[in-house]
C-alpha atoms as a PDB file:
ATOM      1  CA  UNK A   1       1.179 -22.729   6.204  1.00  0.00           C
ATOM      2  CA  UNK A   2       1.317 -22.378   2.470  1.00  0.00           C
ATOM      3  CA  UNK A   3      -0.952 -19.428   0.783  1.00  0.00           C
ATOM      4  CA  UNK A   4      -1.920 -20.138  -2.872  1.00  0.00           C
ATOM      5  CA  UNK A   5      -0.238 -17.988  -4.953  1.00  0.00           C
ATOM      6  CA  UNK A   6      -2.090 -15.428  -7.752  1.00  0.00           C
ATOM      7  CA  UNK A   7      -1.015 -13.413 -10.581  1.00  0.00           C
ATOM      8  CA  UNK A   8      -3.381 -10.384 -11.811  1.00  0.00           C
ATOM      9  CA  UNK A   9      -1.993  -8.525 -15.015  1.00  0.00           C
ATOM     10  CA  UNK A  10      -3.028  -6.227 -17.563  1.00  0.00           C
ATOM     11  CA  UNK A  11      -1.811  -4.949 -20.406  1.00  0.00           C
ATOM     12  CA  UNK A  12      -3.357  -1.695 -21.404  1.00  0.00           C
ATOM     13  CA  UNK A  13      -7.720  -0.284 -21.293  1.00  0.00           C
ATOM     14  CA  UNK A  14      -8.288   1.924 -24.380  1.00  0.00           C
ATOM     15  CA  UNK A  15     -10.493   1.314 -27.630  1.00  0.00           C
ATOM     16  CA  UNK A  16      -8.889  -1.145 -28.728  1.00  0.00           C
ATOM     17  CA  UNK A  17      -9.531  -2.380 -32.250  1.00  0.00           C
ATOM     18  CA  UNK A  18     -10.741  -5.927 -32.934  1.00  0.00           C
ATOM     19  CA  UNK A  19      -7.381  -6.911 -34.920  1.00  0.00           C
ATOM     20  CA  UNK A  20      -5.105  -6.500 -31.750  1.00  0.00           C
ATOM     21  CA  UNK A  21      -7.008  -8.454 -29.303  1.00  0.00           C
ATOM     22  CA  UNK A  22      -5.170 -11.824 -30.492  1.00  0.00           C
ATOM     23  CA  UNK A  23      -1.341 -10.308 -29.971  1.00  0.00           C
ATOM     24  CA  UNK A  24      -2.662  -9.166 -26.559  1.00  0.00           C
ATOM     25  CA  UNK A  25      -4.242 -12.158 -25.542  1.00  0.00           C
ATOM     26  CA  UNK A  26      -1.282 -13.713 -26.622  1.00  0.00           C
ATOM     27  CA  UNK A  27       1.001 -11.359 -24.709  1.00  0.00           C
ATOM     28  CA  UNK A  28      -0.960 -11.515 -21.535  1.00  0.00           C
ATOM     29  CA  UNK A  29      -0.826 -15.654 -21.394  1.00  0.00           C
ATOM     30  CA  UNK A  30       2.770 -15.446 -21.840  1.00  0.00           C
ATOM     31  CA  UNK A  31       3.348 -13.105 -19.276  1.00  0.00           C
ATOM     32  CA  UNK A  32       1.345 -15.187 -17.022  1.00  0.00           C
ATOM     33  CA  UNK A  33       3.208 -18.074 -17.337  1.00  0.00           C
ATOM     34  CA  UNK A  34       6.657 -16.245 -17.117  1.00  0.00           C
ATOM     35  CA  UNK A  35       5.139 -14.944 -13.411  1.00  0.00           C
ATOM     36  CA  UNK A  36       3.617 -17.543 -12.385  1.00  0.00           C
ATOM     37  CA  UNK A  37       6.009 -20.099 -12.700  1.00  0.00           C
ATOM     38  CA  UNK A  38       8.460 -18.284 -10.140  1.00  0.00           C
ATOM     39  CA  UNK A  39       5.018 -18.252  -7.899  1.00  0.00           C
ATOM     40  CA  UNK A  40       5.173 -21.718  -8.306  1.00  0.00           C
ATOM     41  CA  UNK A  41       8.508 -22.473  -7.214  1.00  0.00           C
ATOM     42  CA  UNK A  42       7.858 -20.833  -3.893  1.00  0.00           C
ATOM     43  CA  UNK A  43       9.554 -17.389  -5.031  1.00  0.00           C
ATOM     44  CA  UNK A  44       8.302 -13.762  -3.484  1.00  0.00           C
ATOM     45  CA  UNK A  45       5.737 -11.731  -5.226  1.00  0.00           C
ATOM     46  CA  UNK A  46       8.237  -9.366  -6.468  1.00  0.00           C
ATOM     47  CA  UNK A  47      10.084 -12.078  -8.324  1.00  0.00           C
ATOM     48  CA  UNK A  48       6.743 -13.020 -10.227  1.00  0.00           C
ATOM     49  CA  UNK A  49       5.905  -9.319 -10.700  1.00  0.00           C
ATOM     50  CA  UNK A  50       9.170  -8.389 -12.275  1.00  0.00           C
ATOM     51  CA  UNK A  51       9.053 -11.807 -14.720  1.00  0.00           C
ATOM     52  CA  UNK A  52       5.462 -10.728 -16.109  1.00  0.00           C
ATOM     53  CA  UNK A  53       5.987  -7.323 -16.459  1.00  0.00           C
ATOM     54  CA  UNK A  54       9.712  -7.857 -18.150  1.00  0.00           C
ATOM     55  CA  UNK A  55       7.349 -10.209 -20.794  1.00  0.00           C
ATOM     56  CA  UNK A  56       5.406  -7.895 -21.707  1.00  0.00           C
ATOM     57  CA  UNK A  57       8.102  -5.179 -22.135  1.00  0.00           C
ATOM     58  CA  UNK A  58       9.908  -7.576 -24.252  1.00  0.00           C
ATOM     59  CA  UNK A  59       6.362  -8.050 -26.918  1.00  0.00           C
ATOM     60  CA  UNK A  60       6.639  -5.127 -29.006  1.00  0.00           C
ATOM     61  CA  UNK A  61       2.045  -5.340 -28.755  1.00  0.00           C
ATOM     62  CA  UNK A  62       2.013  -3.342 -25.461  1.00  0.00           C
ATOM     63  CA  UNK A  63       3.201  -0.096 -24.990  1.00  0.00           C
ATOM     64  CA  UNK A  64       6.003  -0.353 -22.570  1.00  0.00           C
ATOM     65  CA  UNK A  65       9.758  -1.517 -23.683  1.00  0.00           C
ATOM     66  CA  UNK A  66       9.907  -2.400 -27.173  1.00  0.00           C
ATOM     67  CA  UNK A  67       7.779  -1.069 -29.352  1.00  0.00           C
ATOM     68  CA  UNK A  68       6.475   1.687 -27.419  1.00  0.00           C
ATOM     69  CA  UNK A  69       5.057   5.380 -28.412  1.00  0.00           C
ATOM     70  CA  UNK A  70       7.434   7.652 -29.275  1.00  0.00           C
ATOM     71  CA  UNK A  71       8.588  11.051 -27.969  1.00  0.00           C
ATOM     72  CA  UNK A  72       7.635  14.387 -30.113  1.00  0.00           C
ATOM     73  CA  UNK A  73      10.912  13.612 -31.232  1.00  0.00           C
ATOM     74  CA  UNK A  74      10.963  10.205 -32.375  1.00  0.00           C
ATOM     75  CA  UNK A  75      12.359   8.317 -29.198  1.00  0.00           C
ATOM     76  CA  UNK A  76      11.460   6.118 -26.893  1.00  0.00           C
ATOM     77  CA  UNK A  77      11.565   6.969 -22.838  1.00  0.00           C
ATOM     78  CA  UNK A  78      10.339   4.606 -20.524  1.00  0.00           C
ATOM     79  CA  UNK A  79       9.188   4.457 -17.050  1.00  0.00           C
ATOM     80  CA  UNK A  80       8.451   1.604 -14.419  1.00  0.00           C
ATOM     81  CA  UNK A  81       7.959   1.047 -10.805  1.00  0.00           C
ATOM     82  CA  UNK A  82       8.189  -2.203  -8.827  1.00  0.00           C
ATOM     83  CA  UNK A  83       7.217  -2.668  -4.500  1.00  0.00           C
ATOM     84  CA  UNK A  84       7.331  -5.191  -2.296  1.00  0.00           C
ATOM     85  CA  UNK A  85       4.444  -5.528  -0.069  1.00  0.00           C
ATOM     86  CA  UNK A  86       5.902  -6.788   2.829  1.00  0.00           C
ATOM     87  CA  UNK A  87       8.548  -3.926   3.551  1.00  0.00           C
ATOM     88  CA  UNK A  88       7.378  -1.071   1.389  1.00  0.00           C
ATOM     89  CA  UNK A  89      10.381  -0.894  -0.409  1.00  0.00           C
ATOM     90  CA  UNK A  90      10.434  -0.272  -3.774  1.00  0.00           C
ATOM     91  CA  UNK A  91      12.591   0.680  -7.192  1.00  0.00           C
ATOM     92  CA  UNK A  92      11.563   3.616  -9.964  1.00  0.00           C
ATOM     93  CA  UNK A  93      13.144   4.561 -13.311  1.00  0.00           C
ATOM     94  CA  UNK A  94      11.799   7.342 -15.238  1.00  0.00           C
ATOM     95  CA  UNK A  95      12.564   9.027 -18.934  1.00  0.00           C
ATOM     96  CA  UNK A  96      15.375   6.124 -19.385  1.00  0.00           C
ATOM     97  CA  UNK A  97      16.177   5.377 -23.101  1.00  0.00           C
ATOM     98  CA  UNK A  98      18.948   2.720 -22.987  1.00  0.00           C
ATOM     99  CA  UNK A  99      17.503   0.330 -21.321  1.00  0.00           C
ATOM    100  CA  UNK A 100      15.887  -2.790 -23.016  1.00  0.00           C
ATOM    101  CA  UNK A 101      13.652  -3.668 -19.860  1.00  0.00           C
ATOM    102  CA  UNK A 102      13.072  -0.523 -17.250  1.00  0.00           C
ATOM    103  CA  UNK A 103      11.191  -2.928 -14.893  1.00  0.00           C
ATOM    104  CA  UNK A 104      14.619  -4.931 -14.150  1.00  0.00           C
ATOM    105  CA  UNK A 105      16.293  -1.195 -13.422  1.00  0.00           C
ATOM    106  CA  UNK A 106      13.708  -1.159 -10.828  1.00  0.00           C
ATOM    107  CA  UNK A 107      14.527  -3.802  -9.658  1.00  0.00           C
ATOM    108  CA  UNK A 108      18.040  -3.322  -8.981  1.00  0.00           C
ATOM    109  CA  UNK A 109      17.204   0.485  -7.418  1.00  0.00           C
ATOM    110  CA  UNK A 110      14.755  -1.425  -5.156  1.00  0.00           C
ATOM    111  CA  UNK A 111      17.231  -4.412  -3.881  1.00  0.00           C
ATOM    112  CA  UNK A 112      20.786  -2.018  -3.926  1.00  0.00           C
ATOM    113  CA  UNK A 113      19.962   1.561  -3.406  1.00  0.00           C
ATOM    114  CA  UNK A 114      18.735   4.008  -0.113  1.00  0.00           C
ATOM    115  CA  UNK A 115      17.014   5.562  -2.758  1.00  0.00           C
ATOM    116  CA  UNK A 116      13.330   5.144  -4.299  1.00  0.00           C
ATOM    117  CA  UNK A 117      13.864   6.715  -7.850  1.00  0.00           C
ATOM    118  CA  UNK A 118      16.498   7.262 -10.400  1.00  0.00           C
ATOM    119  CA  UNK A 119      15.659   9.208 -13.255  1.00  0.00           C
ATOM    120  CA  UNK A 120      17.249   9.695 -16.826  1.00  0.00           C
ATOM    121  CA  UNK A 121      21.004   9.346 -17.670  1.00  0.00           C
ATOM    122  CA  UNK A 122      21.534   8.929 -13.663  1.00  0.00           C
ATOM    123  CA  UNK A 123      18.794   6.179 -13.715  1.00  0.00           C
ATOM    124  CA  UNK A 124      20.746   4.419 -17.005  1.00  0.00           C
ATOM    125  CA  UNK A 125      24.004   4.792 -15.116  1.00  0.00           C
ATOM    126  CA  UNK A 126      22.766   3.173 -11.958  1.00  0.00           C
ATOM    127  CA  UNK A 127      21.647   0.352 -14.124  1.00  0.00           C
ATOM    128  CA  UNK A 128      25.009  -0.255 -15.694  1.00  0.00           C
ATOM    129  CA  UNK A 129      26.766  -0.116 -12.376  1.00  0.00           C
ATOM    130  CA  UNK A 130      24.698  -2.953 -11.533  1.00  0.00           C
ATOM    131  CA  UNK A 131      24.882  -4.960 -14.514  1.00  0.00           C
ATOM    132  CA  UNK A 132      22.765  -4.043 -16.687  1.00  0.00           C
ATOM    133  CA  UNK A 133      23.347  -3.166 -20.409  1.00  0.00           C
ATOM    134  CA  UNK A 134      23.064  -0.153 -22.246  1.00  0.00           C
ATOM    135  CA  UNK A 135      21.746  -0.362 -25.659  1.00  0.00           C
ATOM    136  CA  UNK A 136      21.029   2.117 -28.560  1.00  0.00           C
ATOM    137  CA  UNK A 137      17.388   3.634 -28.500  1.00  0.00           C
ATOM    138  CA  UNK A 138      16.743   2.712 -31.824  1.00  0.00           C
ATOM    139  CA  UNK A 139      16.484  -1.099 -30.693  1.00  0.00           C
ATOM    140  CA  UNK A 140      13.257   0.108 -28.723  1.00  0.00           C
ATOM    141  CA  UNK A 141      11.403   1.753 -32.097  1.00  0.00           C
ATOM    142  CA  UNK A 142       9.486  -0.548 -34.285  1.00  0.00           C
ATOM    143  CA  UNK A 143       8.272   0.459 -37.664  1.00  0.00           C
ATOM    144  CA  UNK A 144       4.535   0.933 -36.388  1.00  0.00           C
ATOM    145  CA  UNK A 145       5.412   3.568 -34.157  1.00  0.00           C
ATOM    146  CA  UNK A 146       7.200   5.302 -36.477  1.00  0.00           C
ATOM    147  CA  UNK A 147       4.399   6.128 -39.189  1.00  0.00           C
ATOM    148  CA  UNK A 148       2.022   6.260 -36.106  1.00  0.00           C
ATOM    149  CA  UNK A 149       4.117   9.451 -35.340  1.00  0.00           C
ATOM    150  CA  UNK A 150       3.857  10.468 -38.308  1.00  0.00           C
ATOM    151  CA  UNK A 151       0.261  10.680 -39.039  1.00  0.00           C
ATOM    152  CA  UNK A 152      -0.625  12.133 -35.164  1.00  0.00           C
ATOM    153  CA  UNK A 153       2.313  14.597 -36.269  1.00  0.00           C
ATOM    154  CA  UNK A 154       0.434  15.050 -39.716  1.00  0.00           C
ATOM    155  CA  UNK A 155      -2.758  15.202 -37.994  1.00  0.00           C
ATOM    156  CA  UNK A 156      -2.095  18.151 -35.707  1.00  0.00           C
ATOM    157  CA  UNK A 157      -0.229  20.303 -38.059  1.00  0.00           C
ATOM    158  CA  UNK A 158      -3.878  20.076 -39.922  1.00  0.00           C
ATOM    159  CA  UNK A 159      -5.547  20.726 -36.103  1.00  0.00           C
ATOM    160  CA  UNK A 160      -7.639  17.560 -36.439  1.00  0.00           C
ATOM    161  CA  UNK A 161      -6.093  16.144 -32.972  1.00  0.00           C
ATOM    162  CA  UNK A 162      -5.152  17.623 -29.963  1.00  0.00           C
ATOM    163  CA  UNK A 163      -1.411  19.173 -29.340  1.00  0.00           C
ATOM    164  CA  UNK A 164      -0.737  17.825 -25.935  1.00  0.00           C
ATOM    165  CA  UNK A 165      -1.721  14.200 -26.106  1.00  0.00           C
ATOM    166  CA  UNK A 166      -3.259  11.376 -28.157  1.00  0.00           C
ATOM    167  CA  UNK A 167      -6.478  11.234 -26.558  1.00  0.00           C
ATOM    168  CA  UNK A 168      -7.692   9.429 -23.225  1.00  0.00           C
ATOM    169  CA  UNK A 169      -9.151   6.250 -25.722  1.00  0.00           C
ATOM    170  CA  UNK A 170      -6.605   6.324 -28.173  1.00  0.00           C
ATOM    171  CA  UNK A 171      -4.365   3.558 -26.862  1.00  0.00           C
ATOM    172  CA  UNK A 172      -2.736   3.189 -23.034  1.00  0.00           C
ATOM    173  CA  UNK A 173      -0.883  -0.460 -23.529  1.00  0.00           C
ATOM    174  CA  UNK A 174       0.810   0.661 -20.140  1.00  0.00           C
ATOM    175  CA  UNK A 175       1.318  -2.777 -18.295  1.00  0.00           C
ATOM    176  CA  UNK A 176       1.310  -4.110 -15.179  1.00  0.00           C
ATOM    177  CA  UNK A 177       1.070  -6.684 -12.666  1.00  0.00           C
ATOM    178  CA  UNK A 178      -0.037  -7.882  -8.848  1.00  0.00           C
ATOM    179  CA  UNK A 179       0.806 -10.679  -7.160  1.00  0.00           C
ATOM    180  CA  UNK A 180       0.306 -12.988  -4.107  1.00  0.00           C
ATOM    181  CA  UNK A 181       3.022 -15.711  -3.233  1.00  0.00           C
ATOM    182  CA  UNK A 182       3.244 -18.252  -0.925  1.00  0.00           C
ATOM    183  CA  UNK A 183       4.498 -16.894   2.045  1.00  0.00           C
ATOM    184  CA  UNK A 184       1.261 -14.021   1.905  1.00  0.00           C
ATOM    185  CA  UNK A 185       3.229 -11.308   0.783  1.00  0.00           C
ATOM    186  CA  UNK A 186       2.104  -9.245  -2.446  1.00  0.00           C
ATOM    187  CA  UNK A 187       3.758  -6.591  -4.551  1.00  0.00           C
ATOM    188  CA  UNK A 188       2.959  -4.420  -7.614  1.00  0.00           C
ATOM    189  CA  UNK A 189       4.768  -3.473 -10.220  1.00  0.00           C
ATOM    190  CA  UNK A 190       3.928  -0.945 -13.703  1.00  0.00           C
ATOM    191  CA  UNK A 191       5.747   0.078 -17.044  1.00  0.00           C
ATOM    192  CA  UNK A 192       5.256   1.924 -19.702  1.00  0.00           C
ATOM    193  CA  UNK A 193       6.415   4.213 -23.041  1.00  0.00           C
ATOM    194  CA  UNK A 194       4.111   6.499 -21.947  1.00  0.00           C
ATOM    195  CA  UNK A 195       1.529   8.607 -24.333  1.00  0.00           C
ATOM    196  CA  UNK A 196       2.034   9.317 -28.203  1.00  0.00           C
ATOM    197  CA  UNK A 197       3.886  12.463 -29.238  1.00  0.00           C
ATOM    198  CA  UNK A 198       4.776  13.105 -25.506  1.00  0.00           C
ATOM    199  CA  UNK A 199       7.223  15.923 -24.667  1.00  0.00           C
ATOM    200  CA  UNK A 200      10.326  14.578 -24.183  1.00  0.00           C
ATOM    201  CA  UNK A 201      11.083  14.518 -20.257  1.00  0.00           C
ATOM    202  CA  UNK A 202       7.215  13.790 -19.589  1.00  0.00           C
ATOM    203  CA  UNK A 203       6.625  11.498 -16.700  1.00  0.00           C
ATOM    204  CA  UNK A 204       2.553  10.132 -16.062  1.00  0.00           C
ATOM    205  CA  UNK A 205       1.235   8.229 -13.495  1.00  0.00           C
ATOM    206  CA  UNK A 206       3.002   4.534 -13.687  1.00  0.00           C
ATOM    207  CA  UNK A 207       6.424   4.918 -12.210  1.00  0.00           C
ATOM    208  CA  UNK A 208       4.899   7.325  -9.538  1.00  0.00           C
ATOM    209  CA  UNK A 209       4.035   5.813  -5.738  1.00  0.00           C
ATOM    210  CA  UNK A 210       0.737   5.655  -5.161  1.00  0.00           C
ATOM    211  CA  UNK A 211      -0.141   7.077  -8.913  1.00  0.00           C
ATOM    212  CA  UNK A 212       0.182   3.918 -11.439  1.00  0.00           C
ATOM    213  CA  UNK A 213       0.965   1.297  -8.480  1.00  0.00           C
ATOM    214  CA  UNK A 214       1.565   0.564  -4.976  1.00  0.00           C
ATOM    215  CA  UNK A 215       1.524  -2.198  -2.662  1.00  0.00           C
ATOM    216  CA  UNK A 216       1.339  -2.636   0.973  1.00  0.00           C
ATOM    217  CA  UNK A 217       0.718  -5.813   2.722  1.00  0.00           C
ATOM    218  CA  UNK A 218      -1.519  -4.328   5.349  1.00  0.00           C
ATOM    219  CA  UNK A 219      -4.249  -2.866   2.248  1.00  0.00           C
ATOM    220  CA  UNK A 220      -3.372  -4.102  -1.587  1.00  0.00           C
ATOM    221  CA  UNK A 221      -1.323  -4.347  -4.559  1.00  0.00           C
ATOM    222  CA  UNK A 222      -2.399  -2.034  -7.332  1.00  0.00           C
ATOM    223  CA  UNK A 223      -1.815  -1.360 -10.666  1.00  0.00           C
ATOM    224  CA  UNK A 224      -3.710   1.366 -13.132  1.00  0.00           C
ATOM    225  CA  UNK A 225      -3.503   2.356 -17.237  1.00  0.00           C
ATOM    226  CA  UNK A 226      -4.825   4.917 -18.694  1.00  0.00           C
ATOM    227  CA  UNK A 227      -4.987   8.819 -19.164  1.00  0.00           C
ATOM    228  CA  UNK A 228      -2.037   9.658 -16.643  1.00  0.00           C
ATOM    229  CA  UNK A 229      -2.198  13.334 -15.628  1.00  0.00           C
ATOM    230  CA  UNK A 230      -5.695  12.477 -14.113  1.00  0.00           C
ATOM    231  CA  UNK A 231      -4.331   9.532 -12.271  1.00  0.00           C
ATOM    232  CA  UNK A 232      -1.720  11.178 -10.789  1.00  0.00           C
ATOM    233  CA  UNK A 233      -3.590  14.159  -9.262  1.00  0.00           C
ATOM    234  CA  UNK A 234      -6.291  11.820  -7.310  1.00  0.00           C
ATOM    235  CA  UNK A 235      -3.113   9.345  -6.076  1.00  0.00           C
ATOM    236  CA  UNK A 236      -5.735   7.080  -7.850  1.00  0.00           C
ATOM    237  CA  UNK A 237      -3.485   3.970  -6.433  1.00  0.00           C
ATOM    238  CA  UNK A 238      -3.120   4.771  -2.874  1.00  0.00           C
ATOM    239  CA  UNK A 239      -6.768   5.431  -3.155  1.00  0.00           C
ATOM    240  CA  UNK A 240      -8.011   2.616  -3.974  1.00  0.00           C
ATOM    241  CA  UNK A 241      -5.877  -0.085  -1.375  1.00  0.00           C
ATOM    242  CA  UNK A 242      -6.589   2.845   1.197  1.00  0.00           C
ATOM    243  CA  UNK A 243     -10.649   1.769   0.307  1.00  0.00           C
ATOM    244  CA  UNK A 244      -9.421  -1.934   0.430  1.00  0.00           C
ATOM    245  CA  UNK A 245      -7.684  -1.175   3.945  1.00  0.00           C
ATOM    246  CA  UNK A 246     -10.906   0.518   5.325  1.00  0.00           C
ATOM    247  CA  UNK A 247     -12.748  -3.005   4.669  1.00  0.00           C
ATOM    248  CA  UNK A 248     -14.075  -2.512   0.798  1.00  0.00           C
ATOM    249  CA  UNK A 249     -13.648  -5.589  -1.084  1.00  0.00           C
ATOM    250  CA  UNK A 250     -11.361  -5.198  -3.582  1.00  0.00           C
ATOM    251  CA  UNK A 251     -13.557  -5.336  -7.176  1.00  0.00           C
ATOM    252  CA  UNK A 252     -15.496  -3.131  -5.279  1.00  0.00           C
ATOM    253  CA  UNK A 253     -12.962  -0.754  -4.667  1.00  0.00           C
ATOM    254  CA  UNK A 254     -11.595  -0.751  -8.225  1.00  0.00           C
ATOM    255  CA  UNK A 255     -14.483   0.048  -9.596  1.00  0.00           C
ATOM    256  CA  UNK A 256     -15.236   2.664  -6.880  1.00  0.00           C
ATOM    257  CA  UNK A 257     -11.517   4.181  -8.004  1.00  0.00           C
ATOM    258  CA  UNK A 258     -12.647   4.578 -11.583  1.00  0.00           C
ATOM    259  CA  UNK A 259     -15.857   5.853 -11.417  1.00  0.00           C
ATOM    260  CA  UNK A 260     -14.067   8.151  -9.116  1.00  0.00           C
ATOM    261  CA  UNK A 261     -11.433   8.906 -11.976  1.00  0.00           C
ATOM    262  CA  UNK A 262     -14.097  10.054 -14.289  1.00  0.00           C
ATOM    263  CA  UNK A 263     -16.373  12.083 -11.895  1.00  0.00           C
ATOM    264  CA  UNK A 264     -14.091  13.947 -10.331  1.00  0.00           C
ATOM    265  CA  UNK A 265     -11.544  14.817 -13.621  1.00  0.00           C
ATOM    266  CA  UNK A 266     -13.061  13.294 -16.141  1.00  0.00           C
ATOM    267  CA  UNK A 267     -10.510  10.471 -16.537  1.00  0.00           C
ATOM    268  CA  UNK A 268     -10.041   7.254 -18.351  1.00  0.00           C
ATOM    269  CA  UNK A 269      -8.164   4.373 -17.886  1.00  0.00           C
ATOM    270  CA  UNK A 270      -8.349   0.361 -15.428  1.00  0.00           C
ATOM    271  CA  UNK A 271      -6.962  -0.695 -12.684  1.00  0.00           C
ATOM    272  CA  UNK A 272      -5.975  -4.620 -11.080  1.00  0.00           C
ATOM    273  CA  UNK A 273      -6.334  -4.792  -7.319  1.00  0.00           C
ATOM    274  CA  UNK A 274      -5.050  -7.729  -5.138  1.00  0.00           C
ATOM    275  CA  UNK A 275      -5.250  -8.073  -1.461  1.00  0.00           C
ATOM    276  CA  UNK A 276      -3.299  -9.889   1.057  1.00  0.00           C
ATOM    277  CA  UNK A 277      -6.299 -12.404   1.706  1.00  0.00           C
ATOM    278  CA  UNK A 278      -6.416 -13.389  -1.780  1.00  0.00           C
ATOM    279  CA  UNK A 279      -9.169 -11.247  -3.119  1.00  0.00           C
ATOM    280  CA  UNK A 280      -8.946  -9.422  -6.323  1.00  0.00           C
ATOM    281  CA  UNK A 281     -10.894  -7.110  -8.394  1.00  0.00           C
ATOM    282  CA  UNK A 282     -10.298  -5.485 -11.723  1.00  0.00           C
ATOM    283  CA  UNK A 283     -12.387  -2.388 -13.062  1.00  0.00           C
ATOM    284  CA  UNK A 284     -11.725   0.108 -16.428  1.00  0.00           C
ATOM    285  CA  UNK A 285     -13.692   2.717 -17.823  1.00  0.00           C
ATOM    286  CA  UNK A 286     -12.301   2.197 -21.608  1.00  0.00           C
ATOM    287  CA  UNK A 287     -14.070   0.390 -24.128  1.00  0.00           C
ATOM    288  CA  UNK A 288     -11.768  -2.451 -23.692  1.00  0.00           C
ATOM    289  CA  UNK A 289      -9.035  -3.504 -21.559  1.00  0.00           C
ATOM    290  CA  UNK A 290      -6.284  -6.380 -21.894  1.00  0.00           C
ATOM    291  CA  UNK A 291      -5.772  -8.233 -18.417  1.00  0.00           C
ATOM    292  CA  UNK A 292      -5.379 -12.345 -17.082  1.00  0.00           C
ATOM    293  CA  UNK A 293      -5.492 -13.950 -13.830  1.00  0.00           C
ATOM    294  CA  UNK A 294      -3.501 -17.351 -12.736  1.00  0.00           C
ATOM    295  CA  UNK A 295      -4.397 -19.493  -9.601  1.00  0.00           C
ATOM    296  CA  UNK A 296      -3.627 -22.754  -8.606  1.00  0.00           C
ATOM    297  CA  UNK A 297      -7.522 -23.291  -9.841  1.00  0.00           C
ATOM    298  CA  UNK A 298      -6.222 -22.540 -13.612  1.00  0.00           C
ATOM    299  CA  UNK A 299      -5.741 -19.102 -15.941  1.00  0.00           C
ATOM    300  CA  UNK A 300      -8.204 -16.848 -17.388  1.00  0.00           C
ATOM    301  CA  UNK A 301      -6.972 -14.349 -20.318  1.00  0.00           C
ATOM    302  CA  UNK A 302      -9.348 -11.917 -22.043  1.00  0.00           C
ATOM    303  CA  UNK A 303      -9.572  -8.277 -23.698  1.00  0.00           C
ATOM    304  CA  UNK A 304     -13.082  -7.219 -21.864  1.00  0.00           C
ATOM    305  CA  UNK A 305     -15.260  -4.859 -22.859  1.00  0.00           C
ATOM    306  CA  UNK A 306     -17.714  -2.404 -20.800  1.00  0.00           C
ATOM    307  CA  UNK A 307     -15.901  -2.539 -17.305  1.00  0.00           C
ATOM    308  CA  UNK A 308     -15.190  -5.353 -15.326  1.00  0.00           C
ATOM    309  CA  UNK A 309     -14.880  -8.918 -16.507  1.00  0.00           C
ATOM    310  CA  UNK A 310     -16.675 -12.030 -14.500  1.00  0.00           C
ATOM    311  CA  UNK A 311     -13.406 -13.054 -12.740  1.00  0.00           C
ATOM    312  CA  UNK A 312     -13.625 -16.873 -11.163  1.00  0.00           C
END
């Protein structure tokens, strides 16, 4: 029996200004179109997640791919993870500087390597050996981010901001997607450029299994966005899907995960969850979160305030 496919995505949870909403909604809509077109043709959840995340990596609105935050030394370093809930096959890359779409590199690791994770030049070498083009890092940099880095570092020198990270609410446009295909399998993916003025070599939660991303047909698929260090310490993605495996509805588990993030470590972020039976959930404790949902009944796109939207 064919199952109705579902695609749920996020485009970051932070204190998004009013003038950024339209671009986020447009980017989310484009990603839904790219991913759901594959699901309608019978493609796998992994295919749909990869396509949706790649669409957001190509959109410099988000902190993933081109347009990402710059490191302390003015470069873009990218992380991505893709996980197949059917068999737990997983591919991840981190600290890559010469790949336009790190989610495609993660897919290559998932499909073609006995390993799970490659970093830095090793990840770039693996991707090139499997057909990906290496680009110059400057192709990933946009003027907006050069200006943002200069302003942030100027504020650092003047003692006006934290020197460790840009603040949990300043911007976290990490992107992610979870999908259910017509065969009843789920998948998840997450991609990020990390935090503003991060130390070169820093890896956040997004590309770590069980932290920023996880998928298992026996529980749920999850993708998170937000302040990475607290999410990593709690292995929050796995924490959330374990709640679903224990019987909690995805919306309840999503809310509980964000509550736990804040009460345990004062963390901020957002989460999307999708179970194999088609139930889903979304929650955040940041001022706004960009998200989108596509089902056979239609499409919803929004930038939500204050927690969780009313998902139809």
